[in-house]
C-alpha atoms as a PDB file:
ATOM      1  CA  MET A   1      71.225-125.809 346.869  1.00  0.00           C
ATOM      2  CA  HIS A   2      74.845-124.857 346.472  1.00  0.00           C
ATOM      3  CA  PRO A   3      76.372-123.388 349.690  1.00  0.00           C
ATOM      4  CA  ALA A   4      77.443-120.218 347.858  1.00  0.00           C
ATOM      5  CA  ASP A   5      73.830-119.607 346.722  1.00  0.00           C
ATOM      6  CA  HIS A   6      72.669-119.961 350.322  1.00  0.00           C
ATOM      7  CA  ALA A   7      75.295-117.467 351.505  1.00  0.00           C
ATOM      8  CA  ASP A   8      74.247-114.952 348.814  1.00  0.00           C
ATOM      9  CA  ARG A   9      70.612-115.201 349.929  1.00  0.00           C
ATOM     10  CA  CYS A  10      71.576-114.695 353.573  1.00  0.00           C
ATOM     11  CA  VAL A  11      73.585-111.579 352.709  1.00  0.00           C
ATOM     12  CA  LEU A  12      70.708-110.196 350.651  1.00  0.00           C
ATOM     13  CA  LEU A  13      68.159-110.909 353.396  1.00  0.00           C
ATOM     14  CA  CYS A  14      70.434-109.357 356.000  1.00  0.00           C
ATOM     15  CA  ALA A  15      70.898-106.235 353.866  1.00  0.00           C
ATOM     16  CA  VAL A  16      67.128-105.876 353.448  1.00  0.00           C
ATOM     17  CA  ALA A  17      66.583-106.333 357.179  1.00  0.00           C
ATOM     18  CA  ILE A  18      69.199-103.671 357.992  1.00  0.00           C
ATOM     19  CA  VAL A  19      67.669-101.171 355.553  1.00  0.00           C
ATOM     20  CA  ALA A  20      64.201-101.829 356.960  1.00  0.00           C
ATOM     21  CA  ALA A  21      65.468-101.458 360.529  1.00  0.00           C
ATOM     22  CA  CYS A  22      67.156 -98.128 359.735  1.00  0.00           C
ATOM     23  CA  ALA A  23      64.143 -96.589 358.010  1.00  0.00           C
ATOM     24  CA  PRO A  24      61.983 -94.190 360.045  1.00  0.00           C
ATOM     25  CA  ARG A  25      58.833 -95.883 361.306  1.00  0.00           C
ATOM     26  CA  ASP A  26      56.556 -93.290 359.691  1.00  0.00           C
ATOM     27  CA  LEU A  27      58.214 -93.682 356.276  1.00  0.00           C
ATOM     28  CA  ALA A  28      55.699 -95.187 353.918  1.00  0.00           C
ATOM     29  CA  LEU A  29      57.019 -96.728 350.755  1.00  0.00           C
ATOM     30  CA  THR A  30      54.757 -95.554 347.973  1.00  0.00           C
ATOM     31  CA  VAL A  31      54.762 -96.386 344.324  1.00  0.00           C
ATOM     32  CA  ALA A  32      53.317 -93.682 342.131  1.00  0.00           C
ATOM     33  CA  THR A  33      50.414 -95.052 340.142  1.00  0.00           C
ATOM     34  CA  ARG A  34      49.994 -93.842 336.586  1.00  0.00           C
ATOM     35  CA  PRO A  35      46.757 -91.822 336.359  1.00  0.00           C
ATOM     36  CA  ARG A  36      44.105 -93.201 334.029  1.00  0.00           C
ATOM     37  CA  VAL A  37      41.087 -91.803 332.236  1.00  0.00           C
ATOM     38  CA  ILE A  38      38.166 -93.471 333.995  1.00  0.00           C
ATOM     39  CA  ALA A  39      35.268 -91.694 332.267  1.00  0.00           C
ATOM     40  CA  ILE A  40      34.696 -89.462 329.276  1.00  0.00           C
ATOM     41  CA  ALA A  41      31.550 -87.726 328.100  1.00  0.00           C
ATOM     42  CA  PRO A  42      30.047 -87.607 325.657  1.00  0.00           C
ATOM     43  CA  SER A  43      30.611 -91.288 325.134  1.00  0.00           C
ATOM     44  CA  SER A  44      28.815 -91.285 321.790  1.00  0.00           C
ATOM     45  CA  SER A  45      30.785 -91.156 318.570  1.00  0.00           C
ATOM     46  CA  THR A  46      28.382 -88.448 317.364  1.00  0.00           C
ATOM     47  CA  ILE A  47      28.924 -85.060 319.002  1.00  0.00           C
ATOM     48  CA  SER A  48      27.656 -81.525 318.509  1.00  0.00           C
ATOM     49  CA  LEU A  49      29.453 -79.105 316.211  1.00  0.00           C
ATOM     50  CA  GLN A  50      30.476 -77.027 319.258  1.00  0.00           C
ATOM     51  CA  PRO A  51      31.358 -79.851 321.653  1.00  0.00           C
ATOM     52  CA  SER A  52      32.338 -79.931 325.268  1.00  0.00           C
ATOM     53  CA  PHE A  53      34.081 -82.952 326.769  1.00  0.00           C
ATOM     54  CA  SER A  54      34.214 -84.050 330.392  1.00  0.00           C
ATOM     55  CA  ILE A  55      37.078 -86.304 331.382  1.00  0.00           C
ATOM     56  CA  GLU A  56      37.446 -87.917 334.788  1.00  0.00           C
ATOM     57  CA  PHE A  57      40.871 -89.142 335.857  1.00  0.00           C
ATOM     58  CA  SER A  58      41.713 -91.705 338.524  1.00  0.00           C
ATOM     59  CA  SER A  59      43.674 -89.086 340.472  1.00  0.00           C
ATOM     60  CA  ALA A  60      43.982 -85.321 340.808  1.00  0.00           C
ATOM     61  CA  MET A  61      45.839 -83.759 337.911  1.00  0.00           C
ATOM     62  CA  ASN A  62      48.340 -80.900 337.753  1.00  0.00           C
ATOM     63  CA  LYS A  63      46.774 -77.734 336.271  1.00  0.00           C
ATOM     64  CA  LYS A  64      50.157 -76.551 335.026  1.00  0.00           C
ATOM     65  CA  THR A  65      50.312 -79.546 332.655  1.00  0.00           C
ATOM     66  CA  ILE A  66      47.011 -78.773 330.915  1.00  0.00           C
ATOM     67  CA  ASP A  67      47.796 -76.767 327.761  1.00  0.00           C
ATOM     68  CA  THR A  68      45.571 -76.603 324.682  1.00  0.00           C
ATOM     69  CA  ASP A  69      47.519 -73.979 322.708  1.00  0.00           C
ATOM     70  CA  PRO A  70      48.927 -75.680 319.568  1.00  0.00           C
ATOM     71  CA  ASN A  71      51.567 -72.922 319.363  1.00  0.00           C
ATOM     72  CA  SER A  72      52.817 -73.581 322.894  1.00  0.00           C
ATOM     73  CA  LYS A  73      55.983 -75.477 323.783  1.00  0.00           C
ATOM     74  CA  THR A  74      53.978 -77.250 326.507  1.00  0.00           C
ATOM     75  CA  LEU A  75      50.982 -78.351 324.398  1.00  0.00           C
ATOM     76  CA  SER A  76      49.393 -81.398 326.031  1.00  0.00           C
ATOM     77  CA  ILE A  77      45.850 -81.594 324.603  1.00  0.00           C
ATOM     78  CA  ALA A  78      44.666 -81.204 321.008  1.00  0.00           C
ATOM     79  CA  LEU A  79      41.434 -81.672 319.094  1.00  0.00           C
ATOM     80  CA  MET A  80      42.287 -82.450 315.481  1.00  0.00           C
ATOM     81  CA  PRO A  81      40.567 -83.777 312.383  1.00  0.00           C
ATOM     82  CA  ALA A  82      41.132 -87.526 312.738  1.00  0.00           C
ATOM     83  CA  ALA A  83      42.724 -87.715 309.286  1.00  0.00           C
ATOM     84  CA  ASP A  84      45.532 -85.471 310.574  1.00  0.00           C
ATOM     85  CA  VAL A  85      46.298 -87.693 313.578  1.00  0.00           C
ATOM     86  CA  ASP A  86      49.055 -89.897 312.226  1.00  0.00           C
ATOM     87  CA  ASP A  87      52.665 -90.750 313.071  1.00  0.00           C
ATOM     88  CA  ALA A  88      53.830 -87.305 311.938  1.00  0.00           C
ATOM     89  CA  PHE A  89      51.288 -85.674 314.267  1.00  0.00           C
ATOM     90  CA  PHE A  90      52.471 -87.735 317.245  1.00  0.00           C
ATOM     91  CA  LYS A  91      56.111 -86.864 316.477  1.00  0.00           C
ATOM     92  CA  ASP A  92      55.092 -83.208 316.336  1.00  0.00           C
ATOM     93  CA  LEU A  93      53.109 -83.500 319.576  1.00  0.00           C
ATOM     94  CA  ALA A  94      56.122 -85.082 321.287  1.00  0.00           C
ATOM     95  CA  HIS A  95      58.138 -81.930 320.537  1.00  0.00           C
ATOM     96  CA  PRO A  96      55.696 -78.986 320.544  1.00  0.00           C
ATOM     97  CA  PRO A  97      54.722 -76.542 319.339  1.00  0.00           C
ATOM     98  CA  LEU A  98      52.900 -78.125 316.418  1.00  0.00           C
ATOM     99  CA  ALA A  99      54.078 -77.280 312.913  1.00  0.00           C
ATOM    100  CA  LYS A 100      52.314 -74.147 311.643  1.00  0.00           C
ATOM    101  CA  THR A 101      50.187 -75.986 309.079  1.00  0.00           C
ATOM    102  CA  ARG A 102      49.156 -78.586 311.669  1.00  0.00           C
ATOM    103  CA  ALA A 103      48.503 -75.941 314.358  1.00  0.00           C
ATOM    104  CA  ALA A 104      46.210 -74.120 311.909  1.00  0.00           C
ATOM    105  CA  ARG A 105      44.029 -77.278 311.680  1.00  0.00           C
ATOM    106  CA  ALA A 106      43.793 -77.728 315.472  1.00  0.00           C
ATOM    107  CA  VAL A 107      40.449 -76.754 316.950  1.00  0.00           C
ATOM    108  CA  PRO A 108      40.866 -73.941 319.503  1.00  0.00           C
ATOM    109  CA  LEU A 109      40.041 -75.269 322.957  1.00  0.00           C
ATOM    110  CA  HIS A 110      39.381 -74.008 326.451  1.00  0.00           C
ATOM    111  CA  ALA A 111      40.196 -76.337 329.341  1.00  0.00           C
ATOM    112  CA  LEU A 112      39.181 -76.184 332.985  1.00  0.00           C
ATOM    113  CA  LEU A 113      40.627 -78.605 335.527  1.00  0.00           C
ATOM    114  CA  ASP A 114      39.125 -79.188 338.958  1.00  0.00           C
ATOM    115  CA  GLY A 115      41.056 -81.903 340.779  1.00  0.00           C
ATOM    116  CA  ASN A 116      40.458 -85.054 338.782  1.00  0.00           C
ATOM    117  CA  ALA A 117      37.750 -83.558 336.523  1.00  0.00           C
ATOM    118  CA  LEU A 118      38.723 -81.897 333.240  1.00  0.00           C
ATOM    119  CA  THR A 119      36.274 -80.024 331.026  1.00  0.00           C
ATOM    120  CA  ILE A 120      37.371 -79.188 327.499  1.00  0.00           C
ATOM    121  CA  ALA A 121      35.231 -76.966 325.270  1.00  0.00           C
ATOM    122  CA  ALA A 122      35.732 -76.225 321.596  1.00  0.00           C
ATOM    123  CA  GLU A 123      35.968 -72.490 320.961  1.00  0.00           C
ATOM    124  CA  ALA A 124      35.110 -72.901 317.259  1.00  0.00           C
ATOM    125  CA  ALA A 125      32.544 -74.958 315.424  1.00  0.00           C
ATOM    126  CA  LEU A 126      33.639 -78.291 314.009  1.00  0.00           C
ATOM    127  CA  ASP A 127      33.183 -79.175 310.364  1.00  0.00           C
ATOM    128  CA  ALA A 128      30.102 -81.348 309.843  1.00  0.00           C
ATOM    129  CA  SER A 129      30.664 -84.941 308.708  1.00  0.00           C
ATOM    130  CA  THR A 130      34.317 -84.846 309.786  1.00  0.00           C
ATOM    131  CA  ASP A 131      35.815 -87.252 312.287  1.00  0.00           C
ATOM    132  CA  TYR A 132      37.839 -85.668 315.086  1.00  0.00           C
ATOM    133  CA  ALA A 133      40.289 -87.017 317.623  1.00  0.00           C
ATOM    134  CA  LEU A 134      40.815 -85.565 321.082  1.00  0.00           C
ATOM    135  CA  VAL A 135      44.425 -86.341 321.992  1.00  0.00           C
ATOM    136  CA  LEU A 136      45.955 -86.096 325.466  1.00  0.00           C
ATOM    137  CA  SER A 137      49.729 -86.406 325.556  1.00  0.00           C
ATOM    138  CA  ASP A 138      51.869 -87.838 328.322  1.00  0.00           C
ATOM    139  CA  ARG A 139      52.681 -84.245 329.311  1.00  0.00           C
ATOM    140  CA  VAL A 140      49.359 -84.311 331.181  1.00  0.00           C
ATOM    141  CA  ARG A 141      50.466 -85.251 334.693  1.00  0.00           C
ATOM    142  CA  SER A 142      49.018 -85.953 338.097  1.00  0.00           C
ATOM    143  CA  VAL A 143      49.683 -83.644 341.036  1.00  0.00           C
ATOM    144  CA  ASP A 144      52.351 -86.219 341.982  1.00  0.00           C
ATOM    145  CA  GLY A 145      54.107 -85.588 338.641  1.00  0.00           C
ATOM    146  CA  VAL A 146      53.218 -88.960 337.125  1.00  0.00           C
ATOM    147  CA  ALA A 147      52.460 -88.951 333.391  1.00  0.00           C
ATOM    148  CA  LEU A 148      49.084 -90.013 332.006  1.00  0.00           C
END
């Protein structure tokens, strides 16, 4: 090992030791963990024409980040015909509200969040024999402010 490399390591270790020594003893270093969807029901690909979905997250979620209004600037959840969920949709979802024609195709939803459990119910009947996609954006956040 080159002597200069050894000196650099000593300085770095000393700096870490000083920072650790100066930190309050009750200070816990925490790393926010990205919340995950750990369960969803129904799990079948065939659902009723007036569906309700239950989603369980790995941590408590922030109610203020749950928005199902396609005309809202804070839209975070949408139920759309799957054929409409393409790159243009995701660009639109990244900068809500949805375009008027796209918003008109969104299924009206009601959402209820209780800690880490989210229930989403369709407020209108789905079209039979049509595939749908339930999309949750990264605007859905944990109570710690961490994106889904």
